[in-house]
Amino acid sequence: MASRSALSRLSLTATRSMQSTRGATRYFSDDKGRVLSEEERAAENVYIKKMEKEKSEKQKLKHEKEKAEKENQGSDKKTEGSQKA
């Protein structure tokens, strides 16, 4: 099954490369069998990068918040210990 899909992809790639030399629009296939034009694929890549950036920023903020909470807890414990002594 895998070799069959690899052969079909190879033939599609060869056909597409021949078309692109003639000035035809190039198309790419996504994993779901849908064909995407270069513009659609570029737009999808931009969207994916935007989502990854937002996710990364959220994780960074979460990490900074947790770090700040730990520092506050540590300073609170030091303050309580000095008051008891």
PDB file of N, CA and C in Angstrom:
ATOM      1  N   MET A   1       0.823  -1.188   0.000  1.00  0.00           N
ATOM      2  CA  MET A   1       0.000   0.000   0.000  1.00  0.00           C
ATOM      3  C   MET A   1       0.871   1.257   0.000  1.00  0.00           C
ATOM      4  N   ALA A   2       1.936   1.226   0.798  1.00  0.00           N
ATOM      5  CA  ALA A   2       2.801   2.399   0.888  1.00  0.00           C
ATOM      6  C   ALA A   2       3.511   2.661  -0.431  1.00  0.00           C
ATOM      7  N   SER A   3       3.947   1.580  -1.083  1.00  0.00           N
ATOM      8  CA  SER A   3       4.643   1.770  -2.357  1.00  0.00           C
ATOM      9  C   SER A   3       3.685   2.293  -3.427  1.00  0.00           C
ATOM     10  N   ARG A   4       2.436   1.897  -3.329  1.00  0.00           N
ATOM     11  CA  ARG A   4       1.439   2.355  -4.296  1.00  0.00           C
ATOM     12  C   ARG A   4       1.228   3.858  -4.174  1.00  0.00           C
ATOM     13  N   SER A   5       1.119   4.345  -2.922  1.00  0.00           N
ATOM     14  CA  SER A   5       0.923   5.778  -2.738  1.00  0.00           C
ATOM     15  C   SER A   5       2.185   6.547  -3.103  1.00  0.00           C
ATOM     16  N   ALA A   6       3.339   5.952  -2.855  1.00  0.00           N
ATOM     17  CA  ALA A   6       4.597   6.612  -3.219  1.00  0.00           C
ATOM     18  C   ALA A   6       4.702   6.750  -4.731  1.00  0.00           C
ATOM     19  N   LEU A   7       4.291   5.724  -5.457  1.00  0.00           N
ATOM     20  CA  LEU A   7       4.326   5.783  -6.914  1.00  0.00           C
ATOM     21  C   LEU A   7       3.354   6.836  -7.445  1.00  0.00           C
ATOM     22  N   SER A   8       2.184   6.914  -6.840  1.00  0.00           N
ATOM     23  CA  SER A   8       1.213   7.905  -7.313  1.00  0.00           C
ATOM     24  C   SER A   8       1.712   9.315  -7.020  1.00  0.00           C
ATOM     25  N   ARG A   9       2.365   9.508  -5.882  1.00  0.00           N
ATOM     26  CA  ARG A   9       2.929  10.823  -5.573  1.00  0.00           C
ATOM     27  C   ARG A   9       4.052  11.172  -6.537  1.00  0.00           C
ATOM     28  N   LEU A  10       4.858  10.172  -6.870  1.00  0.00           N
ATOM     29  CA  LEU A  10       5.965  10.389  -7.795  1.00  0.00           C
ATOM     30  C   LEU A  10       5.442  10.798  -9.167  1.00  0.00           C
ATOM     31  N   SER A  11       4.415  10.110  -9.638  1.00  0.00           N
ATOM     32  CA  SER A  11       3.860  10.451 -10.942  1.00  0.00           C
ATOM     33  C   SER A  11       3.200  11.830 -10.917  1.00  0.00           C
ATOM     34  N   LEU A  12       2.541  12.184  -9.802  1.00  0.00           N
ATOM     35  CA  LEU A  12       1.943  13.507  -9.677  1.00  0.00           C
ATOM     36  C   LEU A  12       3.020  14.582  -9.673  1.00  0.00           C
ATOM     37  N   THR A  13       4.118  14.320  -8.994  1.00  0.00           N
ATOM     38  CA  THR A  13       5.215  15.287  -8.940  1.00  0.00           C
ATOM     39  C   THR A  13       5.806  15.499 -10.318  1.00  0.00           C
ATOM     40  N   ALA A  14       6.003  14.413 -11.060  1.00  0.00           N
ATOM     41  CA  ALA A  14       6.560  14.518 -12.403  1.00  0.00           C
ATOM     42  C   ALA A  14       5.617  15.300 -13.314  1.00  0.00           C
ATOM     43  N   THR A  15       4.333  15.019 -13.223  1.00  0.00           N
ATOM     44  CA  THR A  15       3.347  15.721 -14.038  1.00  0.00           C
ATOM     45  C   THR A  15       3.317  17.197 -13.683  1.00  0.00           C
ATOM     46  N   ARG A  16       3.358  17.488 -12.381  1.00  0.00           N
ATOM     47  CA  ARG A  16       3.311  18.880 -11.940  1.00  0.00           C
ATOM     48  C   ARG A  16       4.556  19.640 -12.382  1.00  0.00           C
ATOM     49  N   SER A  17       5.704  18.985 -12.326  1.00  0.00           N
ATOM     50  CA  SER A  17       6.925  19.688 -12.717  1.00  0.00           C
ATOM     51  C   SER A  17       6.912  19.997 -14.208  1.00  0.00           C
ATOM     52  N   MET A  18       6.341  19.108 -15.011  1.00  0.00           N
ATOM     53  CA  MET A  18       6.231  19.373 -16.441  1.00  0.00           C
ATOM     54  C   MET A  18       5.265  20.529 -16.689  1.00  0.00           C
ATOM     55  N   GLN A  19       4.179  20.568 -15.936  1.00  0.00           N
ATOM     56  CA  GLN A  19       3.209  21.642 -16.101  1.00  0.00           C
ATOM     57  C   GLN A  19       3.799  22.981 -15.690  1.00  0.00           C
ATOM     58  N   SER A  20       4.608  22.971 -14.647  1.00  0.00           N
ATOM     59  CA  SER A  20       5.157  24.238 -14.167  1.00  0.00           C
ATOM     60  C   SER A  20       6.128  24.844 -15.169  1.00  0.00           C
ATOM     61  N   THR A  21       6.782  24.015 -15.963  1.00  0.00           N
ATOM     62  CA  THR A  21       7.679  24.566 -16.970  1.00  0.00           C
ATOM     63  C   THR A  21       6.896  25.232 -18.093  1.00  0.00           C
ATOM     64  N   ARG A  22       5.630  24.854 -18.236  1.00  0.00           N
ATOM     65  CA  ARG A  22       4.788  25.457 -19.268  1.00  0.00           C
ATOM     66  C   ARG A  22       4.014  26.657 -18.723  1.00  0.00           C
ATOM     67  N   GLY A  23       4.260  27.028 -17.478  1.00  0.00           N
ATOM     68  CA  GLY A  23       3.603  28.182 -16.907  1.00  0.00           C
ATOM     69  C   GLY A  23       2.277  27.866 -16.229  1.00  0.00           C
ATOM     70  N   ALA A  24       1.959  26.606 -16.042  1.00  0.00           N
ATOM     71  CA  ALA A  24       0.711  26.236 -15.379  1.00  0.00           C
ATOM     72  C   ALA A  24       0.862  26.430 -13.866  1.00  0.00           C
ATOM     73  N   THR A  25      -0.255  26.619 -13.182  1.00  0.00           N
ATOM     74  CA  THR A  25      -0.236  26.751 -11.739  1.00  0.00           C
ATOM     75  C   THR A  25       0.131  25.417 -11.125  1.00  0.00           C
ATOM     76  N   ARG A  26       1.034  25.482 -10.152  1.00  0.00           N
ATOM     77  CA  ARG A  26       1.438  24.247  -9.486  1.00  0.00           C
ATOM     78  C   ARG A  26       0.487  23.968  -8.336  1.00  0.00           C
ATOM     79  N   TYR A  27       0.196  22.707  -8.118  1.00  0.00           N
ATOM     80  CA  TYR A  27      -0.684  22.280  -7.046  1.00  0.00           C
ATOM     81  C   TYR A  27       0.042  21.275  -6.173  1.00  0.00           C
ATOM     82  N   PHE A  28      -0.302  21.269  -4.886  1.00  0.00           N
ATOM     83  CA  PHE A  28       0.269  20.343  -3.938  1.00  0.00           C
ATOM     84  C   PHE A  28      -0.853  19.599  -3.256  1.00  0.00           C
ATOM     85  N   SER A  29      -0.586  18.362  -2.904  1.00  0.00           N
ATOM     86  CA  SER A  29      -1.592  17.554  -2.245  1.00  0.00           C
ATOM     87  C   SER A  29      -1.325  17.547  -0.750  1.00  0.00           C
ATOM     88  N   ASP A  30      -2.376  17.759   0.045  1.00  0.00           N
ATOM     89  CA  ASP A  30      -2.201  17.617   1.484  1.00  0.00           C
ATOM     90  C   ASP A  30      -2.439  16.158   1.841  1.00  0.00           C
ATOM     91  N   ASP A  31      -2.315  15.795   3.107  1.00  0.00           N
ATOM     92  CA  ASP A  31      -2.422  14.405   3.533  1.00  0.00           C
ATOM     93  C   ASP A  31      -3.840  13.850   3.399  1.00  0.00           C
ATOM     94  N   LYS A  32      -4.816  14.701   3.218  1.00  0.00           N
ATOM     95  CA  LYS A  32      -6.203  14.254   3.131  1.00  0.00           C
ATOM     96  C   LYS A  32      -6.638  14.015   1.690  1.00  0.00           C
ATOM     97  N   GLY A  33      -5.725  14.162   0.745  1.00  0.00           N
ATOM     98  CA  GLY A  33      -6.057  13.933  -0.643  1.00  0.00           C
ATOM     99  C   GLY A  33      -6.552  15.174  -1.358  1.00  0.00           C
ATOM    100  N   ARG A  34      -6.673  16.273  -0.645  1.00  0.00           N
ATOM    101  CA  ARG A  34      -7.135  17.517  -1.240  1.00  0.00           C
ATOM    102  C   ARG A  34      -5.953  18.212  -1.916  1.00  0.00           C
ATOM    103  N   VAL A  35      -6.197  18.840  -3.019  1.00  0.00           N
ATOM    104  CA  VAL A  35      -5.135  19.509  -3.759  1.00  0.00           C
ATOM    105  C   VAL A  35      -5.155  20.999  -3.420  1.00  0.00           C
ATOM    106  N   LEU A  36      -3.968  21.522  -3.057  1.00  0.00           N
ATOM    107  CA  LEU A  36      -3.849  22.927  -2.694  1.00  0.00           C
ATOM    108  C   LEU A  36      -3.004  23.655  -3.730  1.00  0.00           C
ATOM    109  N   SER A  37      -3.404  24.852  -4.074  1.00  0.00           N
ATOM    110  CA  SER A  37      -2.584  25.664  -4.965  1.00  0.00           C
ATOM    111  C   SER A  37      -1.446  26.259  -4.141  1.00  0.00           C
ATOM    112  N   GLU A  38      -0.482  26.858  -4.813  1.00  0.00           N
ATOM    113  CA  GLU A  38       0.645  27.479  -4.111  1.00  0.00           C
ATOM    114  C   GLU A  38       0.158  28.558  -3.152  1.00  0.00           C
ATOM    115  N   GLU A  39      -0.811  29.349  -3.585  1.00  0.00           N
ATOM    116  CA  GLU A  39      -1.325  30.433  -2.752  1.00  0.00           C
ATOM    117  C   GLU A  39      -2.021  29.891  -1.507  1.00  0.00           C
ATOM    118  N   GLU A  40      -2.833  28.852  -1.680  1.00  0.00           N
ATOM    119  CA  GLU A  40      -3.516  28.246  -0.541  1.00  0.00           C
ATOM    120  C   GLU A  40      -2.509  27.656   0.435  1.00  0.00           C
ATOM    121  N   ARG A  41      -1.507  26.996  -0.103  1.00  0.00           N
ATOM    122  CA  ARG A  41      -0.488  26.382   0.743  1.00  0.00           C
ATOM    123  C   ARG A  41       0.291  27.447   1.506  1.00  0.00           C
ATOM    124  N   ALA A  42       0.626  28.556   0.839  1.00  0.00           N
ATOM    125  CA  ALA A  42       1.339  29.652   1.499  1.00  0.00           C
ATOM    126  C   ALA A  42       0.482  30.247   2.614  1.00  0.00           C
ATOM    127  N   ALA A  43      -0.797  30.441   2.337  1.00  0.00           N
ATOM    128  CA  ALA A  43      -1.708  30.985   3.349  1.00  0.00           C
ATOM    129  C   ALA A  43      -1.824  30.027   4.533  1.00  0.00           C
ATOM    130  N   GLU A  44      -1.874  28.737   4.253  1.00  0.00           N
ATOM    131  CA  GLU A  44      -1.957  27.739   5.312  1.00  0.00           C
ATOM    132  C   GLU A  44      -0.681  27.749   6.155  1.00  0.00           C
ATOM    133  N   ASN A  45       0.466  27.879   5.499  1.00  0.00           N
ATOM    134  CA  ASN A  45       1.737  27.924   6.225  1.00  0.00           C
ATOM    135  C   ASN A  45       1.815  29.149   7.126  1.00  0.00           C
ATOM    136  N   VAL A  46       1.337  30.284   6.637  1.00  0.00           N
ATOM    137  CA  VAL A  46       1.328  31.510   7.442  1.00  0.00           C
ATOM    138  C   VAL A  46       0.429  31.312   8.659  1.00  0.00           C
ATOM    139  N   TYR A  47      -0.733  30.714   8.460  1.00  0.00           N
ATOM    140  CA  TYR A  47      -1.664  30.465   9.557  1.00  0.00           C
ATOM    141  C   TYR A  47      -1.046  29.535  10.592  1.00  0.00           C
ATOM    142  N   ILE A  48      -0.407  28.480  10.134  1.00  0.00           N
ATOM    143  CA  ILE A  48       0.215  27.513  11.044  1.00  0.00           C
ATOM    144  C   ILE A  48       1.304  28.196  11.863  1.00  0.00           C
ATOM    145  N   LYS A  49       2.146  28.984  11.211  1.00  0.00           N
ATOM    146  CA  LYS A  49       3.217  29.683  11.929  1.00  0.00           C
ATOM    147  C   LYS A  49       2.646  30.657  12.956  1.00  0.00           C
ATOM    148  N   LYS A  50       1.553  31.335  12.598  1.00  0.00           N
ATOM    149  CA  LYS A  50       0.913  32.267  13.522  1.00  0.00           C
ATOM    150  C   LYS A  50       0.399  31.522  14.748  1.00  0.00           C
ATOM    151  N   MET A  51      -0.262  30.383  14.534  1.00  0.00           N
ATOM    152  CA  MET A  51      -0.782  29.599  15.647  1.00  0.00           C
ATOM    153  C   MET A  51       0.350  29.073  16.526  1.00  0.00           C
ATOM    154  N   GLU A  52       1.442  28.617  15.903  1.00  0.00           N
ATOM    155  CA  GLU A  52       2.585  28.119  16.670  1.00  0.00           C
ATOM    156  C   GLU A  52       3.205  29.243  17.502  1.00  0.00           C
ATOM    157  N   LYS A  53       3.282  30.440  16.936  1.00  0.00           N
ATOM    158  CA  LYS A  53       3.848  31.581  17.651  1.00  0.00           C
ATOM    159  C   LYS A  53       2.974  31.936  18.852  1.00  0.00           C
ATOM    160  N   GLU A  54       1.656  31.968  18.651  1.00  0.00           N
ATOM    161  CA  GLU A  54       0.742  32.273  19.744  1.00  0.00           C
ATOM    162  C   GLU A  54       0.837  31.225  20.847  1.00  0.00           C
ATOM    163  N   LYS A  55       0.920  29.967  20.464  1.00  0.00           N
ATOM    164  CA  LYS A  55       1.035  28.886  21.442  1.00  0.00           C
ATOM    165  C   LYS A  55       2.334  29.021  22.234  1.00  0.00           C
ATOM    166  N   SER A  56       3.413  29.345  21.536  1.00  0.00           N
ATOM    167  CA  SER A  56       4.703  29.529  22.183  1.00  0.00           C
ATOM    168  C   SER A  56       4.663  30.692  23.165  1.00  0.00           C
ATOM    169  N   GLU A  57       4.030  31.789  22.772  1.00  0.00           N
ATOM    170  CA  GLU A  57       3.918  32.953  23.651  1.00  0.00           C
ATOM    171  C   GLU A  57       3.096  32.628  24.893  1.00  0.00           C
ATOM    172  N   LYS A  58       2.012  31.859  24.726  1.00  0.00           N
ATOM    173  CA  LYS A  58       1.190  31.465  25.870  1.00  0.00           C
ATOM    174  C   LYS A  58       1.997  30.611  26.836  1.00  0.00           C
ATOM    175  N   GLN A  59       2.774  29.667  26.300  1.00  0.00           N
ATOM    176  CA  GLN A  59       3.593  28.813  27.154  1.00  0.00           C
ATOM    177  C   GLN A  59       4.650  29.634  27.890  1.00  0.00           C
ATOM    178  N   LYS A  60       5.225  30.613  27.204  1.00  0.00           N
ATOM    179  CA  LYS A  60       6.236  31.473  27.818  1.00  0.00           C
ATOM    180  C   LYS A  60       5.628  32.270  28.968  1.00  0.00           C
ATOM    181  N   LEU A  61       4.451  32.863  28.729  1.00  0.00           N
ATOM    182  CA  LEU A  61       3.776  33.622  29.779  1.00  0.00           C
ATOM    183  C   LEU A  61       3.422  32.728  30.966  1.00  0.00           C
ATOM    184  N   LYS A  62       2.948  31.527  30.677  1.00  0.00           N
ATOM    185  CA  LYS A  62       2.589  30.583  31.734  1.00  0.00           C
ATOM    186  C   LYS A  62       3.827  30.233  32.556  1.00  0.00           C
ATOM    187  N   HIS A  63       4.940  29.992  31.876  1.00  0.00           N
ATOM    188  CA  HIS A  63       6.186  29.652  32.559  1.00  0.00           C
ATOM    189  C   HIS A  63       6.658  30.815  33.435  1.00  0.00           C
ATOM    190  N   GLU A  64       6.595  32.035  32.905  1.00  0.00           N
ATOM    191  CA  GLU A  64       7.002  33.217  33.673  1.00  0.00           C
ATOM    192  C   GLU A  64       6.102  33.415  34.892  1.00  0.00           C
ATOM    193  N   LYS A  65       4.807  33.176  34.727  1.00  0.00           N
ATOM    194  CA  LYS A  65       3.861  33.319  35.826  1.00  0.00           C
ATOM    195  C   LYS A  65       4.161  32.296  36.923  1.00  0.00           C
ATOM    196  N   GLU A  66       4.414  31.045  36.515  1.00  0.00           N
ATOM    197  CA  GLU A  66       4.738  30.002  37.489  1.00  0.00           C
ATOM    198  C   GLU A  66       6.043  30.327  38.219  1.00  0.00           C
ATOM    199  N   LYS A  67       7.010  30.846  37.477  1.00  0.00           N
ATOM    200  CA  LYS A  67       8.299  31.211  38.068  1.00  0.00           C
ATOM    201  C   LYS A  67       8.109  32.326  39.098  1.00  0.00           C
ATOM    202  N   ALA A  68       7.294  33.316  38.757  1.00  0.00           N
ATOM    203  CA  ALA A  68       7.028  34.429  39.668  1.00  0.00           C
ATOM    204  C   ALA A  68       6.310  33.934  40.928  1.00  0.00           C
ATOM    205  N   GLU A  69       5.366  33.014  40.769  1.00  0.00           N
ATOM    206  CA  GLU A  69       4.642  32.460  41.915  1.00  0.00           C
ATOM    207  C   GLU A  69       5.587  31.705  42.839  1.00  0.00           C
ATOM    208  N   LYS A  70       6.501  30.932  42.258  1.00  0.00           N
ATOM    209  CA  LYS A  70       7.469  30.185  43.069  1.00  0.00           C
ATOM    210  C   LYS A  70       8.371  31.144  43.841  1.00  0.00           C
ATOM    211  N   GLU A  71       8.810  32.226  43.188  1.00  0.00           N
ATOM    212  CA  GLU A  71       9.655  33.209  43.858  1.00  0.00           C
ATOM    213  C   GLU A  71       8.893  33.880  44.996  1.00  0.00           C
ATOM    214  N   ASN A  72       7.624  34.182  44.770  1.00  0.00           N
ATOM    215  CA  ASN A  72       6.804  34.802  45.817  1.00  0.00           C
ATOM    216  C   ASN A  72       6.611  33.850  46.989  1.00  0.00           C
ATOM    217  N   GLN A  73       6.392  32.592  46.717  1.00  0.00           N
ATOM    218  CA  GLN A  73       6.221  31.604  47.781  1.00  0.00           C
ATOM    219  C   GLN A  73       7.516  31.461  48.573  1.00  0.00           C
ATOM    220  N   GLY A  74       8.636  31.477  47.869  1.00  0.00           N
ATOM    221  CA  GLY A  74       9.933  31.377  48.540  1.00  0.00           C
ATOM    222  C   GLY A  74      10.210  32.575  49.412  1.00  0.00           C
ATOM    223  N   SER A  75       9.892  33.761  48.941  1.00  0.00           N
ATOM    224  CA  SER A  75      10.116  34.975  49.732  1.00  0.00           C
ATOM    225  C   SER A  75       9.145  35.045  50.907  1.00  0.00           C
ATOM    226  N   ASP A  76       7.933  34.524  50.740  1.00  0.00           N
ATOM    227  CA  ASP A  76       6.962  34.488  51.838  1.00  0.00           C
ATOM    228  C   ASP A  76       7.451  33.571  52.943  1.00  0.00           C
ATOM    229  N   LYS A  77       8.017  32.438  52.582  1.00  0.00           N
ATOM    230  CA  LYS A  77       8.528  31.481  53.578  1.00  0.00           C
ATOM    231  C   LYS A  77       9.691  32.090  54.330  1.00  0.00           C
ATOM    232  N   LYS A  78      10.561  32.821  53.651  1.00  0.00           N
ATOM    233  CA  LYS A  78      11.699  33.458  54.314  1.00  0.00           C
ATOM    234  C   LYS A  78      11.208  34.520  55.290  1.00  0.00           C
ATOM    235  N   THR A  79      10.203  35.276  54.895  1.00  0.00           N
ATOM    236  CA  THR A  79       9.657  36.328  55.737  1.00  0.00           C
ATOM    237  C   THR A  79       9.014  35.720  56.978  1.00  0.00           C
ATOM    238  N   GLU A  80       8.272  34.640  56.832  1.00  0.00           N
ATOM    239  CA  GLU A  80       7.622  33.974  57.965  1.00  0.00           C
ATOM    240  C   GLU A  80       8.668  33.400  58.905  1.00  0.00           C
ATOM    241  N   GLY A  81       9.708  32.820  58.360  1.00  0.00           N
ATOM    242  CA  GLY A  81      10.758  32.241  59.198  1.00  0.00           C
ATOM    243  C   GLY A  81      11.494  33.276  59.993  1.00  0.00           C
ATOM    244  N   SER A  82      11.749  34.450  59.459  1.00  0.00           N
ATOM    245  CA  SER A  82      12.462  35.503  60.173  1.00  0.00           C
ATOM    246  C   SER A  82      11.559  36.129  61.262  1.00  0.00           C
ATOM    247  N   GLN A  83      10.259  36.138  61.040  1.00  0.00           N
ATOM    248  CA  GLN A  83       9.342  36.700  62.014  1.00  0.00           C
ATOM    249  C   GLN A  83       9.205  35.771  63.225  1.00  0.00           C
ATOM    250  N   LYS A  84       9.267  34.473  63.036  1.00  0.00           N
ATOM    251  CA  LYS A  84       9.130  33.511  64.118  1.00  0.00           C
ATOM    252  C   LYS A  84      10.360  33.512  65.011  1.00  0.00           C
ATOM    253  N   ALA A  85      11.507  33.775  64.433  1.00  0.00           N
ATOM    254  CA  ALA A  85      12.753  33.718  65.209  1.00  0.00           C
ATOM    255  C   ALA A  85      12.956  34.853  66.121  1.00  0.00           C
TER     256      ALA A  85
END
